[in-house]
Amino acid sequence: MTAKRAFDVIVAAGMLVLTSPVLLVAMLAVRLTSPGPAIFSQLRVGRGGVSFACHKLRTMYAGTPSLPTHEAPSSSVTAAGKFLRRTKIDELPQLWNVLRGEMSLVGPRPCLPTQTELIERRRQLGVLAALPGITGLAQIRGIDMSDPKICAETDAAYLQATSIGLDVKILLGTLYRD
């Protein structure tokens, strides 16, 4: 087991235990404020370009088309979803993806299989060799997937500089970002 994987497993397991009451309350809030399941699973592109089911708390109304977040209409986000997104609580179910080895705590955010330009740019830069992350360098720099070139280049820069220290800095930057 690599140091990064050990770090991911220890931190994800601890966070899952510590945040389980928050996760349960959030799941209840989702169910009480809009019809549909509390957990939303969506196919995303993982390591090597292989698809996996990425889990999140549902922040959009059931039946919303599967689009990248930056393309989804803001009216499709539920009232509870706005809060869950702002506080990053919607990402907590991805801790299971980390424990399963499908994701890392920090890495390139997994994209949808339909985001072909981003996938190809990531392939060219070797980014698809890494596990996707719950958060990443692009997120703390305010770069979303609407600009595939800059997003992929930022992901590649993270992979060149990766370390446990950088991961801790990115995790803290994600938690304390405005």
Protein backbone atom coordinates (compact mmCIF):
# COMPACT_ATOMS: atom_id res chain seq x y z
CA MET A 1 0.00 0.00 0.00
CA THR A 2 1.41 3.39 -0.96
CA ALA A 3 1.62 6.27 1.51
CA LYS A 4 -1.07 8.15 -0.44
CA ARG A 5 -3.44 5.16 -0.33
CA ALA A 6 -2.81 4.64 3.39
CA PHE A 7 -3.45 8.35 3.99
CA ASP A 8 -6.67 8.16 1.95
CA VAL A 9 -7.98 5.10 3.81
CA ILE A 10 -7.16 6.39 7.29
CA VAL A 11 -8.55 9.88 6.69
CA ALA A 12 -11.63 8.68 4.75
CA ALA A 13 -12.53 6.12 7.41
CA GLY A 14 -12.10 8.67 10.17
CA MET A 15 -14.09 11.30 8.31
CA LEU A 16 -16.86 8.83 7.59
CA VAL A 17 -17.18 7.99 11.28
CA LEU A 18 -16.97 11.62 12.40
CA THR A 19 -19.38 12.95 9.79
CA SER A 20 -21.93 10.11 9.89
CA PRO A 21 -24.40 12.11 12.04
CA VAL A 22 -24.13 15.04 9.60
CA LEU A 23 -24.57 12.68 6.66
CA LEU A 24 -27.68 11.12 8.21
CA VAL A 25 -29.26 14.53 8.91
CA ALA A 26 -28.40 15.68 5.37
CA MET A 27 -29.93 12.53 3.88
CA LEU A 28 -33.10 13.17 5.87
CA ALA A 29 -33.18 16.81 4.71
CA VAL A 30 -32.86 15.71 1.07
CA ARG A 31 -35.70 13.20 1.43
CA LEU A 32 -37.97 15.65 3.27
CA THR A 33 -37.50 18.52 0.81
CA SER A 34 -37.78 16.76 -2.56
CA PRO A 35 -38.94 13.38 -3.86
CA GLY A 36 -36.37 10.79 -4.82
CA PRO A 37 -33.44 9.00 -3.21
CA ALA A 38 -31.04 10.85 -0.93
CA ILE A 39 -27.94 9.29 -2.51
CA PHE A 40 -27.29 9.96 -6.17
CA SER A 41 -24.94 7.70 -8.13
CA GLN A 42 -23.61 8.77 -11.50
CA LEU A 43 -21.18 7.18 -13.91
CA ARG A 44 -17.90 9.10 -13.93
CA VAL A 45 -14.55 8.56 -15.61
CA GLY A 46 -11.97 7.03 -13.28
CA ARG A 47 -8.41 5.79 -13.45
CA GLY A 48 -7.42 4.61 -16.91
CA GLY A 49 -10.63 6.05 -18.36
CA VAL A 50 -12.71 3.28 -16.74
CA SER A 51 -16.19 4.33 -15.60
CA PHE A 52 -17.33 3.91 -12.00
CA ALA A 53 -20.39 4.88 -9.96
CA CYS A 54 -19.57 8.10 -8.11
CA HIS A 55 -21.82 8.72 -5.09
CA LYS A 56 -23.10 12.07 -3.84
CA LEU A 57 -26.00 13.40 -1.85
CA ARG A 58 -28.67 14.39 -4.34
CA THR A 59 -28.70 18.18 -4.72
CA MET A 60 -30.89 18.41 -7.82
CA TYR A 61 -34.46 17.43 -8.42
CA ALA A 62 -34.94 13.80 -9.44
CA GLY A 63 -35.07 13.48 -13.21
CA THR A 64 -32.65 16.34 -13.92
CA PRO A 65 -30.62 15.46 -17.04
CA SER A 66 -27.10 14.15 -16.43
CA LEU A 67 -25.05 17.24 -17.26
CA PRO A 68 -21.81 18.72 -15.97
CA THR A 69 -22.57 20.98 -13.00
CA HIS A 70 -21.58 24.13 -14.91
CA GLU A 71 -24.17 23.26 -17.62
CA ALA A 72 -27.09 22.31 -15.35
CA PRO A 73 -29.77 24.98 -14.89
CA SER A 74 -29.57 26.61 -11.46
CA SER A 75 -33.33 26.03 -11.10
CA SER A 76 -32.65 22.28 -10.97
CA VAL A 77 -30.84 22.62 -7.61
CA THR A 78 -33.07 22.01 -4.59
CA ALA A 79 -33.18 24.33 -1.58
CA ALA A 80 -31.39 21.73 0.53
CA GLY A 81 -29.01 21.13 -2.37
CA LYS A 82 -27.82 24.74 -2.35
CA PHE A 83 -26.77 24.41 1.28
CA LEU A 84 -25.23 20.96 0.77
CA ARG A 85 -23.15 22.20 -2.16
CA ARG A 86 -22.01 25.37 -0.43
CA THR A 87 -20.85 23.41 2.61
CA LYS A 88 -19.44 20.48 0.54
CA ILE A 89 -21.59 18.05 2.55
CA ASP A 90 -22.93 16.66 -0.74
CA GLU A 91 -19.50 15.10 -1.35
CA LEU A 92 -19.44 13.00 1.85
CA PRO A 93 -20.76 9.79 0.20
CA GLN A 94 -17.63 9.82 -1.99
CA LEU A 95 -15.71 8.74 1.10
CA TRP A 96 -17.11 5.28 0.26
CA ASN A 97 -15.60 5.60 -3.21
CA VAL A 98 -12.25 6.37 -1.55
CA LEU A 99 -12.48 3.35 0.76
CA ARG A 100 -13.37 1.15 -2.24
CA GLY A 101 -10.25 2.38 -4.08
CA GLU A 102 -12.21 4.08 -6.87
CA MET A 103 -11.23 7.57 -5.78
CA SER A 104 -8.65 9.40 -3.73
CA LEU A 105 -9.29 12.25 -1.32
CA VAL A 106 -7.30 14.55 -3.63
CA GLY A 107 -6.85 14.24 -7.38
CA PRO A 108 -8.47 15.34 -10.61
CA ARG A 109 -12.26 15.61 -10.18
CA PRO A 110 -13.99 12.78 -12.05
CA CYS A 111 -15.85 13.97 -15.13
CA LEU A 112 -18.81 12.57 -17.01
CA PRO A 113 -18.14 10.18 -19.90
CA THR A 114 -19.74 12.79 -22.21
CA GLN A 115 -17.01 15.35 -21.44
CA THR A 116 -14.90 14.00 -24.29
CA GLU A 117 -12.67 17.05 -24.78
CA LEU A 118 -11.61 17.00 -21.12
CA ILE A 119 -11.08 13.24 -21.20
CA GLU A 120 -8.88 13.50 -24.30
CA ARG A 121 -6.80 16.37 -22.85
CA ARG A 122 -6.37 14.41 -19.62
CA ARG A 123 -5.33 11.34 -21.63
CA GLN A 124 -2.73 13.39 -23.54
CA LEU A 125 -1.27 14.75 -20.29
CA GLY A 126 -1.27 11.41 -18.44
CA VAL A 127 -3.90 12.55 -15.95
CA LEU A 128 -6.08 9.48 -16.45
CA ALA A 129 -3.33 7.37 -14.85
CA ALA A 130 -4.37 8.80 -11.45
CA LEU A 131 -7.35 8.08 -9.27
CA PRO A 132 -9.89 10.90 -9.40
CA GLY A 133 -10.32 12.90 -6.22
CA ILE A 134 -13.10 14.27 -4.07
CA THR A 135 -11.28 17.58 -4.41
CA GLY A 136 -8.26 18.79 -6.28
CA LEU A 137 -5.93 21.61 -7.17
CA ALA A 138 -8.33 22.91 -9.84
CA GLN A 139 -11.12 23.21 -7.26
CA ILE A 140 -9.13 25.30 -4.80
CA ARG A 141 -7.97 27.49 -7.69
CA GLY A 142 -11.59 28.03 -8.75
CA ILE A 143 -11.17 26.21 -12.08
CA ASP A 144 -14.14 24.16 -13.18
CA MET A 145 -14.53 21.73 -16.05
CA SER A 146 -16.01 24.38 -18.37
CA ASP A 147 -12.46 25.04 -19.64
CA PRO A 148 -11.11 21.55 -20.42
CA LYS A 149 -7.63 22.79 -21.41
CA ILE A 150 -6.94 24.72 -18.19
CA CYS A 151 -8.60 22.04 -16.05
CA ALA A 152 -6.48 19.24 -17.55
CA GLU A 153 -3.28 21.31 -17.31
CA THR A 154 -3.99 22.07 -13.64
CA ASP A 155 -4.67 18.37 -12.99
CA ALA A 156 -1.35 17.48 -14.66
CA ALA A 157 0.48 20.11 -12.57
CA TYR A 158 -0.97 18.54 -9.41
CA LEU A 159 0.26 15.09 -10.47
CA GLN A 160 3.78 16.41 -11.05
CA ALA A 161 3.90 18.00 -7.59
CA THR A 162 1.85 15.45 -5.64
CA SER A 163 2.75 14.75 -2.03
CA ILE A 164 0.92 14.09 1.24
CA GLY A 165 1.72 17.68 2.27
CA LEU A 166 0.15 19.06 -0.90
CA ASP A 167 -2.89 16.83 -0.37
CA VAL A 168 -3.32 18.19 3.17
CA LYS A 169 -3.01 21.76 1.85
CA ILE A 170 -5.65 21.09 -0.84
CA LEU A 171 -8.00 19.41 1.66
CA LEU A 172 -7.72 22.37 4.02
CA GLY A 173 -8.11 24.78 1.10
CA THR A 174 -11.30 22.98 0.08
CA LEU A 175 -12.77 23.14 3.58
CA TYR A 176 -11.92 26.79 4.12
CA ARG A 177 -12.52 28.15 0.63
CA ASP A 178 -15.10 30.94 0.32
